[in-house]
PDB file of N, CA and C in Angstrom:
ATOM      1  N   MET A   1      70.800 113.494  -1.966  1.00  0.00           N
ATOM      2  CA  MET A   1      72.403 113.522  -2.541  1.00  0.00           C
ATOM      3  C   MET A   1      72.473 114.805  -3.296  1.00  0.00           C
ATOM      4  N   THR A   2      73.576 115.485  -3.271  1.00  0.00           N
ATOM      5  CA  THR A   2      73.747 116.766  -3.761  1.00  0.00           C
ATOM      6  C   THR A   2      74.621 116.505  -5.158  1.00  0.00           C
ATOM      7  N   ILE A   3      74.149 116.933  -5.999  1.00  0.00           N
ATOM      8  CA  ILE A   3      74.669 117.221  -7.607  1.00  0.00           C
ATOM      9  C   ILE A   3      75.414 118.509  -7.942  1.00  0.00           C
ATOM     10  N   LEU A   4      77.093 118.434  -7.951  1.00  0.00           N
ATOM     11  CA  LEU A   4      77.489 119.742  -8.233  1.00  0.00           C
ATOM     12  C   LEU A   4      77.541 119.653  -9.829  1.00  0.00           C
ATOM     13  N   VAL A   5      77.118 120.882 -10.525  1.00  0.00           N
ATOM     14  CA  VAL A   5      77.055 121.434 -11.793  1.00  0.00           C
ATOM     15  C   VAL A   5      78.097 122.370 -12.063  1.00  0.00           C
ATOM     16  N   ALA A   6      79.053 122.099 -12.812  1.00  0.00           N
ATOM     17  CA  ALA A   6      80.047 123.122 -13.388  1.00  0.00           C
ATOM     18  C   ALA A   6      79.779 123.782 -14.695  1.00  0.00           C
ATOM     19  N   GLY A   7      79.623 124.592 -14.801  1.00  0.00           N
ATOM     20  CA  GLY A   7      79.123 125.184 -16.162  1.00  0.00           C
ATOM     21  C   GLY A   7      77.956 125.403 -16.117  1.00  0.00           C
ATOM     22  N   ALA A   8      77.331 125.837 -15.103  1.00  0.00           N
ATOM     23  CA  ALA A   8      75.630 125.824 -15.024  1.00  0.00           C
ATOM     24  C   ALA A   8      74.874 126.724 -15.493  1.00  0.00           C
ATOM     25  N   SER A   9      75.600 127.778 -16.064  1.00  0.00           N
ATOM     26  CA  SER A   9      74.824 128.961 -16.529  1.00  0.00           C
ATOM     27  C   SER A   9      74.882 128.953 -18.238  1.00  0.00           C
ATOM     28  N   GLY A  10      75.618 128.120 -18.695  1.00  0.00           N
ATOM     29  CA  GLY A  10      75.385 127.991 -20.081  1.00  0.00           C
ATOM     30  C   GLY A  10      74.143 127.161 -20.617  1.00  0.00           C
ATOM     31  N   ALA A  11      74.038 127.007 -22.046  1.00  0.00           N
ATOM     32  CA  ALA A  11      72.629 126.809 -22.544  1.00  0.00           C
ATOM     33  C   ALA A  11      72.616 125.244 -21.941  1.00  0.00           C
ATOM     34  N   THR A  12      73.521 124.339 -21.947  1.00  0.00           N
ATOM     35  CA  THR A  12      73.418 122.889 -21.670  1.00  0.00           C
ATOM     36  C   THR A  12      73.109 122.607 -20.087  1.00  0.00           C
ATOM     37  N   GLY A  13      73.778 123.786 -19.321  1.00  0.00           N
ATOM     38  CA  GLY A  13      74.204 123.546 -17.883  1.00  0.00           C
ATOM     39  C   GLY A  13      72.661 123.981 -17.565  1.00  0.00           C
ATOM     40  N   LYS A  14      72.277 125.025 -17.998  1.00  0.00           N
ATOM     41  CA  LYS A  14      70.756 125.376 -17.373  1.00  0.00           C
ATOM     42  C   LYS A  14      69.757 124.444 -17.684  1.00  0.00           C
ATOM     43  N   LEU A  15      69.692 123.718 -18.693  1.00  0.00           N
ATOM     44  CA  LEU A  15      68.747 122.458 -18.678  1.00  0.00           C
ATOM     45  C   LEU A  15      69.158 121.679 -17.893  1.00  0.00           C
ATOM     46  N   LEU A  16      70.258 120.990 -17.589  1.00  0.00           N
ATOM     47  CA  LEU A  16      70.330 120.071 -16.594  1.00  0.00           C
ATOM     48  C   LEU A  16      70.010 120.185 -15.314  1.00  0.00           C
ATOM     49  N   VAL A  17      70.453 121.671 -15.109  1.00  0.00           N
ATOM     50  CA  VAL A  17      70.266 122.192 -13.568  1.00  0.00           C
ATOM     51  C   VAL A  17      68.374 121.948 -13.476  1.00  0.00           C
ATOM     52  N   GLU A  18      67.869 122.787 -14.513  1.00  0.00           N
ATOM     53  CA  GLU A  18      66.194 122.730 -14.342  1.00  0.00           C
ATOM     54  C   GLU A  18      65.960 121.289 -14.047  1.00  0.00           C
ATOM     55  N   GLN A  19      66.216 120.305 -15.025  1.00  0.00           N
ATOM     56  CA  GLN A  19      65.852 119.025 -14.952  1.00  0.00           C
ATOM     57  C   GLN A  19      66.014 118.337 -13.459  1.00  0.00           C
ATOM     58  N   LEU A  20      67.305 118.460 -12.868  1.00  0.00           N
ATOM     59  CA  LEU A  20      67.679 118.444 -11.446  1.00  0.00           C
ATOM     60  C   LEU A  20      66.663 118.573 -10.441  1.00  0.00           C
ATOM     61  N   LEU A  21      66.437 119.905 -10.762  1.00  0.00           N
ATOM     62  CA  LEU A  21      65.694 120.657  -9.558  1.00  0.00           C
ATOM     63  C   LEU A  21      64.238 120.236  -9.721  1.00  0.00           C
ATOM     64  N   ASN A  22      63.728 119.934 -11.067  1.00  0.00           N
ATOM     65  CA  ASN A  22      62.433 119.509 -11.159  1.00  0.00           C
ATOM     66  C   ASN A  22      62.189 117.988 -10.602  1.00  0.00           C
ATOM     67  N   ALA A  23      63.198 117.173 -10.643  1.00  0.00           N
ATOM     68  CA  ALA A  23      63.195 116.033 -10.157  1.00  0.00           C
ATOM     69  C   ALA A  23      63.473 115.833  -8.366  1.00  0.00           C
ATOM     70  N   GLY A  24      63.668 117.005  -7.991  1.00  0.00           N
ATOM     71  CA  GLY A  24      63.648 117.329  -6.238  1.00  0.00           C
ATOM     72  C   GLY A  24      65.021 117.143  -5.861  1.00  0.00           C
ATOM     73  N   GLU A  25      66.103 117.005  -6.791  1.00  0.00           N
ATOM     74  CA  GLU A  25      67.484 116.972  -6.471  1.00  0.00           C
ATOM     75  C   GLU A  25      67.944 118.161  -5.698  1.00  0.00           C
ATOM     76  N   LYS A  26      68.996 118.176  -4.734  1.00  0.00           N
ATOM     77  CA  LYS A  26      69.700 119.087  -4.453  1.00  0.00           C
ATOM     78  C   LYS A  26      71.023 119.519  -5.178  1.00  0.00           C
ATOM     79  N   VAL A  27      71.009 120.689  -5.567  1.00  0.00           N
ATOM     80  CA  VAL A  27      71.877 120.929  -7.133  1.00  0.00           C
ATOM     81  C   VAL A  27      73.006 122.322  -6.149  1.00  0.00           C
ATOM     82  N   LYS A  28      74.290 122.075  -6.459  1.00  0.00           N
ATOM     83  CA  LYS A  28      75.157 123.086  -6.402  1.00  0.00           C
ATOM     84  C   LYS A  28      75.812 123.648  -7.707  1.00  0.00           C
ATOM     85  N   VAL A  29      75.642 124.703  -8.035  1.00  0.00           N
ATOM     86  CA  VAL A  29      76.296 125.271  -9.419  1.00  0.00           C
ATOM     87  C   VAL A  29      77.344 126.112  -9.307  1.00  0.00           C
ATOM     88  N   ILE A  30      78.305 126.023  -9.967  1.00  0.00           N
ATOM     89  CA  ILE A  30      79.333 126.935 -10.105  1.00  0.00           C
ATOM     90  C   ILE A  30      79.228 127.786 -11.542  1.00  0.00           C
ATOM     91  N   ILE A  31      79.175 129.066 -11.329  1.00  0.00           N
ATOM     92  CA  ILE A  31      79.013 129.917 -12.330  1.00  0.00           C
ATOM     93  C   ILE A  31      79.936 131.116 -12.061  1.00  0.00           C
ATOM     94  N   ARG A  32      80.015 131.722 -13.507  1.00  0.00           N
ATOM     95  CA  ARG A  32      81.021 132.957 -13.607  1.00  0.00           C
ATOM     96  C   ARG A  32      80.102 134.163 -12.628  1.00  0.00           C
ATOM     97  N   PRO A  33      80.924 135.061 -12.041  1.00  0.00           N
ATOM     98  CA  PRO A  33      80.257 136.061 -11.333  1.00  0.00           C
ATOM     99  C   PRO A  33      79.229 136.894 -12.329  1.00  0.00           C
ATOM    100  N   THR A  34      79.587 137.042 -13.602  1.00  0.00           N
ATOM    101  CA  THR A  34      78.789 137.586 -14.507  1.00  0.00           C
ATOM    102  C   THR A  34      77.464 137.047 -15.110  1.00  0.00           C
ATOM    103  N   ALA A  35      77.563 135.464 -14.743  1.00  0.00           N
ATOM    104  CA  ALA A  35      76.638 134.905 -15.474  1.00  0.00           C
ATOM    105  C   ALA A  35      75.304 135.546 -14.965  1.00  0.00           C
ATOM    106  N   ASN A  36      74.498 135.119 -16.105  1.00  0.00           N
ATOM    107  CA  ASN A  36      72.914 135.205 -15.965  1.00  0.00           C
ATOM    108  C   ASN A  36      72.328 133.812 -15.617  1.00  0.00           C
ATOM    109  N   ILE A  37      71.493 133.992 -14.574  1.00  0.00           N
ATOM    110  CA  ILE A  37      70.761 132.679 -14.206  1.00  0.00           C
ATOM    111  C   ILE A  37      69.202 132.690 -14.028  1.00  0.00           C
ATOM    112  N   PRO A  38      68.509 131.986 -14.117  1.00  0.00           N
ATOM    113  CA  PRO A  38      67.092 132.041 -14.108  1.00  0.00           C
ATOM    114  C   PRO A  38      66.594 132.877 -12.732  1.00  0.00           C
ATOM    115  N   ASP A  39      65.561 133.441 -12.687  1.00  0.00           N
ATOM    116  CA  ASP A  39      65.004 134.169 -11.338  1.00  0.00           C
ATOM    117  C   ASP A  39      64.586 132.855 -10.235  1.00  0.00           C
ATOM    118  N   THR A  40      64.061 131.892 -11.030  1.00  0.00           N
ATOM    119  CA  THR A  40      63.862 130.832 -10.195  1.00  0.00           C
ATOM    120  C   THR A  40      64.765 130.035  -9.306  1.00  0.00           C
ATOM    121  N   TRP A  41      66.086 130.231  -9.969  1.00  0.00           N
ATOM    122  CA  TRP A  41      67.139 129.565  -8.901  1.00  0.00           C
ATOM    123  C   TRP A  41      67.409 130.352  -7.740  1.00  0.00           C
ATOM    124  N   SER A  42      67.341 131.655  -7.631  1.00  0.00           N
ATOM    125  CA  SER A  42      67.547 132.559  -6.459  1.00  0.00           C
ATOM    126  C   SER A  42      66.586 132.266  -5.393  1.00  0.00           C
ATOM    127  N   ASN A  43      65.493 131.685  -5.629  1.00  0.00           N
ATOM    128  CA  ASN A  43      64.350 131.534  -4.866  1.00  0.00           C
ATOM    129  C   ASN A  43      64.067 130.077  -4.580  1.00  0.00           C
ATOM    130  N   ASN A  44      64.858 129.134  -4.850  1.00  0.00           N
ATOM    131  CA  ASN A  44      64.804 127.615  -4.715  1.00  0.00           C
ATOM    132  C   ASN A  44      65.772 127.350  -3.437  1.00  0.00           C
ATOM    133  N   ASN A  45      64.996 126.440  -2.782  1.00  0.00           N
ATOM    134  CA  ASN A  45      66.068 126.130  -1.674  1.00  0.00           C
ATOM    135  C   ASN A  45      66.928 124.852  -1.836  1.00  0.00           C
ATOM    136  N   ASN A  46      66.619 124.316  -2.890  1.00  0.00           N
ATOM    137  CA  ASN A  46      67.331 122.975  -3.340  1.00  0.00           C
ATOM    138  C   ASN A  46      68.470 123.502  -4.081  1.00  0.00           C
ATOM    139  N   ILE A  47      69.057 124.627  -4.293  1.00  0.00           N
ATOM    140  CA  ILE A  47      70.298 125.247  -5.093  1.00  0.00           C
ATOM    141  C   ILE A  47      71.278 126.156  -4.473  1.00  0.00           C
ATOM    142  N   THR A  48      72.591 125.788  -4.448  1.00  0.00           N
ATOM    143  CA  THR A  48      73.464 126.334  -3.930  1.00  0.00           C
ATOM    144  C   THR A  48      74.258 127.247  -4.919  1.00  0.00           C
ATOM    145  N   ILE A  49      74.333 128.297  -5.033  1.00  0.00           N
ATOM    146  CA  ILE A  49      75.034 129.198  -6.110  1.00  0.00           C
ATOM    147  C   ILE A  49      76.394 129.585  -5.893  1.00  0.00           C
ATOM    148  N   ILE A  50      77.340 129.074  -6.463  1.00  0.00           N
ATOM    149  CA  ILE A  50      78.733 129.764  -6.285  1.00  0.00           C
ATOM    150  C   ILE A  50      79.030 130.333  -7.340  1.00  0.00           C
ATOM    151  N   LYS A  51      79.367 131.668  -7.291  1.00  0.00           N
ATOM    152  CA  LYS A  51      79.725 132.519  -7.961  1.00  0.00           C
ATOM    153  C   LYS A  51      81.206 132.872  -8.101  1.00  0.00           C
ATOM    154  N   THR A  52      81.967 132.433  -8.936  1.00  0.00           N
ATOM    155  CA  THR A  52      83.381 132.202  -9.149  1.00  0.00           C
ATOM    156  C   THR A  52      83.916 131.783 -10.424  1.00  0.00           C
ATOM    157  N   ASN A  53      84.931 132.383 -10.752  1.00  0.00           N
ATOM    158  CA  ASN A  53      85.879 131.603 -11.769  1.00  0.00           C
ATOM    159  C   ASN A  53      86.310 130.245 -11.408  1.00  0.00           C
ATOM    160  N   ILE A  54      86.068 129.116 -12.288  1.00  0.00           N
ATOM    161  CA  ILE A  54      86.467 127.601 -11.973  1.00  0.00           C
ATOM    162  C   ILE A  54      87.772 127.617 -11.795  1.00  0.00           C
ATOM    163  N   LEU A  55      88.437 128.577 -12.609  1.00  0.00           N
ATOM    164  CA  LEU A  55      90.218 128.037 -12.828  1.00  0.00           C
ATOM    165  C   LEU A  55      90.650 128.851 -11.630  1.00  0.00           C
ATOM    166  N   GLU A  56      89.861 129.745 -10.721  1.00  0.00           N
ATOM    167  CA  GLU A  56      90.468 130.228  -9.545  1.00  0.00           C
ATOM    168  C   GLU A  56      89.996 129.573  -7.972  1.00  0.00           C
ATOM    169  N   ILE A  57      89.325 128.610  -8.198  1.00  0.00           N
ATOM    170  CA  ILE A  57      89.157 127.774  -7.181  1.00  0.00           C
ATOM    171  C   ILE A  57      90.395 126.827  -6.523  1.00  0.00           C
ATOM    172  N   SER A  58      90.788 127.133  -5.556  1.00  0.00           N
ATOM    173  CA  SER A  58      91.940 126.144  -5.416  1.00  0.00           C
ATOM    174  C   SER A  58      91.478 124.696  -4.704  1.00  0.00           C
ATOM    175  N   ARG A  59      92.670 123.772  -4.664  1.00  0.00           N
ATOM    176  CA  ARG A  59      92.324 122.487  -4.558  1.00  0.00           C
ATOM    177  C   ARG A  59      91.231 122.284  -3.239  1.00  0.00           C
ATOM    178  N   ASN A  60      91.868 122.901  -2.346  1.00  0.00           N
ATOM    179  CA  ASN A  60      91.164 122.773  -0.968  1.00  0.00           C
ATOM    180  C   ASN A  60      89.741 123.260  -0.789  1.00  0.00           C
ATOM    181  N   GLU A  61      89.453 124.421  -1.645  1.00  0.00           N
ATOM    182  CA  GLU A  61      88.067 125.056  -1.811  1.00  0.00           C
ATOM    183  C   GLU A  61      87.288 124.233  -2.253  1.00  0.00           C
ATOM    184  N   MET A  62      87.906 123.581  -3.764  1.00  0.00           N
ATOM    185  CA  MET A  62      86.938 122.502  -4.443  1.00  0.00           C
ATOM    186  C   MET A  62      86.586 121.461  -3.591  1.00  0.00           C
ATOM    187  N   ALA A  63      87.684 120.878  -2.842  1.00  0.00           N
ATOM    188  CA  ALA A  63      87.060 119.822  -1.810  1.00  0.00           C
ATOM    189  C   ALA A  63      85.998 120.190  -0.846  1.00  0.00           C
ATOM    190  N   LYS A  64      86.246 121.112  -0.357  1.00  0.00           N
ATOM    191  CA  LYS A  64      85.168 121.575   0.277  1.00  0.00           C
ATOM    192  C   LYS A  64      83.681 121.725  -0.229  1.00  0.00           C
ATOM    193  N   HIS A  65      83.679 122.149  -1.506  1.00  0.00           N
ATOM    194  CA  HIS A  65      82.551 122.333  -2.297  1.00  0.00           C
ATOM    195  C   HIS A  65      81.797 120.630  -2.828  1.00  0.00           C
ATOM    196  N   LEU A  66      83.075 119.722  -3.081  1.00  0.00           N
ATOM    197  CA  LEU A  66      82.449 118.594  -3.245  1.00  0.00           C
ATOM    198  C   LEU A  66      82.297 117.481  -1.970  1.00  0.00           C
ATOM    199  N   ALA A  67      82.282 117.993  -0.647  1.00  0.00           N
ATOM    200  CA  ALA A  67      82.375 117.105   0.480  1.00  0.00           C
ATOM    201  C   ALA A  67      80.858 116.490   0.389  1.00  0.00           C
ATOM    202  N   ASP A  68      79.719 117.240   0.253  1.00  0.00           N
ATOM    203  CA  ASP A  68      78.592 116.740   0.252  1.00  0.00           C
ATOM    204  C   ASP A  68      78.072 116.150  -0.853  1.00  0.00           C
ATOM    205  N   CYS A  69      78.670 116.356  -2.071  1.00  0.00           N
ATOM    206  CA  CYS A  69      78.144 115.753  -3.218  1.00  0.00           C
ATOM    207  C   CYS A  69      78.445 114.175  -3.515  1.00  0.00           C
ATOM    208  N   GLY A  70      77.374 113.709  -4.196  1.00  0.00           N
ATOM    209  CA  GLY A  70      77.412 112.431  -4.844  1.00  0.00           C
ATOM    210  C   GLY A  70      77.500 112.144  -6.281  1.00  0.00           C
ATOM    211  N   ALA A  71      77.727 113.365  -7.088  1.00  0.00           N
ATOM    212  CA  ALA A  71      77.774 113.099  -8.123  1.00  0.00           C
ATOM    213  C   ALA A  71      78.168 114.663  -8.833  1.00  0.00           C
ATOM    214  N   VAL A  72      79.101 114.882  -9.905  1.00  0.00           N
ATOM    215  CA  VAL A  72      79.497 116.094 -10.641  1.00  0.00           C
ATOM    216  C   VAL A  72      79.215 116.029 -12.139  1.00  0.00           C
ATOM    217  N   ALA A  73      78.610 117.053 -12.477  1.00  0.00           N
ATOM    218  CA  ALA A  73      78.393 117.282 -13.962  1.00  0.00           C
ATOM    219  C   ALA A  73      79.048 118.481 -14.621  1.00  0.00           C
ATOM    220  N   SER A  74      80.115 118.134 -15.730  1.00  0.00           N
ATOM    221  CA  SER A  74      80.749 119.046 -16.050  1.00  0.00           C
ATOM    222  C   SER A  74      80.066 119.566 -17.570  1.00  0.00           C
ATOM    223  N   CYS A  75      79.430 120.839 -17.200  1.00  0.00           N
ATOM    224  CA  CYS A  75      78.830 121.563 -18.757  1.00  0.00           C
ATOM    225  C   CYS A  75      79.840 122.626 -19.317  1.00  0.00           C
ATOM    226  N   LEU A  76      81.091 122.442 -18.626  1.00  0.00           N
ATOM    227  CA  LEU A  76      81.881 123.574 -19.262  1.00  0.00           C
ATOM    228  C   LEU A  76      82.109 123.541 -20.771  1.00  0.00           C
ATOM    229  N   GLY A  77      81.984 124.654 -21.182  1.00  0.00           N
ATOM    230  CA  GLY A  77      82.225 125.027 -22.828  1.00  0.00           C
ATOM    231  C   GLY A  77      83.007 126.205 -22.864  1.00  0.00           C
ATOM    232  N   HIS A  78      83.081 127.042 -24.180  1.00  0.00           N
ATOM    233  CA  HIS A  78      83.714 127.758 -24.485  1.00  0.00           C
ATOM    234  C   HIS A  78      82.710 128.977 -25.100  1.00  0.00           C
ATOM    235  N   ASN A  79      83.011 130.124 -25.200  1.00  0.00           N
ATOM    236  CA  ASN A  79      82.258 131.066 -25.896  1.00  0.00           C
ATOM    237  C   ASN A  79      82.919 131.288 -27.486  1.00  0.00           C
ATOM    238  N   ILE A  80      82.179 131.260 -28.408  1.00  0.00           N
ATOM    239  CA  ILE A  80      82.941 131.366 -29.793  1.00  0.00           C
ATOM    240  C   ILE A  80      82.829 132.544 -30.126  1.00  0.00           C
ATOM    241  N   THR A  81      84.174 133.278 -30.111  1.00  0.00           N
ATOM    242  CA  THR A  81      84.659 134.634 -30.461  1.00  0.00           C
ATOM    243  C   THR A  81      85.729 134.625 -31.588  1.00  0.00           C
TER     244      THR A  81
END
């Protein structure tokens, strides 16, 4: 099963993704194009990284990302500014 994590580059999202990867799960992450991610994610075959602004994903594009997913986790938040 693949799990999609939205907001994966935030504090909570990173922790969730690490736990999922450590459990051997396949993970898709949606992160901002400017987001910083752990180096280990770039070298892990169990992760698919989607760099985009989630608000710019069309309904059809999101349906394609979700097609093989059995679960979705939202870790979306906001920056305190």
